[in-house]
Protein backbone atom coordinates (compact mmCIF):
# COMPACT_ATOMS: atom_id res chain seq x y z
CA MET A 1 101.91 84.65 18.07
CA ALA A 2 99.59 87.23 16.79
CA THR A 3 98.57 90.25 19.54
CA GLN A 4 95.75 90.79 19.88
CA GLY A 5 96.79 94.75 21.30
CA ASP A 6 95.16 96.67 24.92
CA VAL A 7 91.60 95.28 25.37
CA HIS A 8 90.75 98.11 27.46
CA LYS A 9 91.64 100.75 24.61
CA ARG A 10 90.11 98.97 21.65
CA ARG A 11 87.47 98.80 23.81
CA GLY A 12 87.70 102.61 24.76
CA ALA A 13 88.38 103.45 20.87
CA ASN A 14 84.96 101.17 20.02
CA ILE A 15 83.12 103.85 22.37
CA MET A 16 83.92 106.57 20.77
CA LYS A 17 83.30 104.98 17.29
CA THR A 18 79.56 104.81 18.44
CA GLY A 19 79.85 108.25 20.13
CA LEU A 20 80.79 109.93 17.56
CA ALA A 21 78.67 107.84 14.88
CA MET A 22 75.29 108.83 17.30
CA LEU A 23 76.34 112.89 17.21
CA VAL A 24 76.70 112.73 13.54
CA PHE A 25 73.25 110.82 12.47
CA GLY A 26 71.60 113.28 15.38
CA VAL A 27 73.10 116.60 13.87
CA ALA A 28 72.44 115.28 10.52
CA ILE A 29 68.12 114.82 11.32
CA ALA A 30 68.41 117.53 13.47
CA LEU A 31 69.64 119.88 10.35
CA ALA A 32 67.19 117.77 7.54
CA THR A 33 64.03 117.92 9.95
CA ALA A 34 64.96 121.54 10.72
CA GLY A 35 62.73 124.63 8.60
CA GLU A 36 59.24 126.58 8.96
CA ASN A 37 57.84 123.57 9.03
CA GLY A 38 60.33 120.20 10.86
CA ASN A 39 58.97 118.87 13.05
CA PRO A 40 59.37 119.80 16.81
CA GLN A 41 59.10 115.97 18.02
CA LEU A 42 62.06 114.60 15.69
CA ASN A 43 64.46 117.91 16.42
CA ALA A 44 63.87 116.50 20.17
CA PHE A 45 64.69 113.25 19.43
CA ALA A 46 67.33 114.33 16.99
CA SER A 47 68.86 116.31 20.08
CA VAL A 48 68.79 114.05 22.54
CA VAL A 49 70.70 111.34 20.68
CA ALA A 50 73.41 114.20 19.61
CA LEU A 51 73.76 114.74 23.28
CA ALA A 52 74.05 111.37 24.41
CA GLY A 53 76.20 110.19 21.21
CA PHE A 54 78.47 113.41 22.82
CA ILE A 55 78.63 112.11 26.09
CA THR A 56 79.50 108.89 25.27
CA GLY A 57 82.47 110.05 23.32
CA ILE A 58 83.42 111.57 26.49
CA VAL A 59 83.38 108.09 27.94
CA GLY A 60 85.04 106.41 25.69
CA ILE A 61 87.66 108.79 25.78
CA GLY A 62 88.12 107.55 29.70
CA LYS A 63 87.58 104.46 29.05
CA TRP A 64 90.75 104.76 25.69
CA ARG A 65 92.83 106.61 29.08
CA GLU A 66 91.74 103.87 31.83
CA ARG A 67 94.54 101.42 33.27
CA PRO A 68 93.47 98.90 34.87
CA ALA A 69 94.97 98.14 38.45
CA GLY A 70 97.88 95.84 37.95
CA ASP A 71 98.90 96.84 34.59
């Protein structure tokens, strides 16, 4: 019988991957639009996305380490 692994670890790993993708996307957009003629609204949006990705990654680490009661 094939085992599916620990669902809690997998859920946390997926959250961490999402956070990392958001962080990379935010930083890439911020760097691409930086400069003297950069769009300030787009830079602000990219900064918010990067910050949200960082926080999501931290939450993913917590979910990855979490053990439900009874295990």
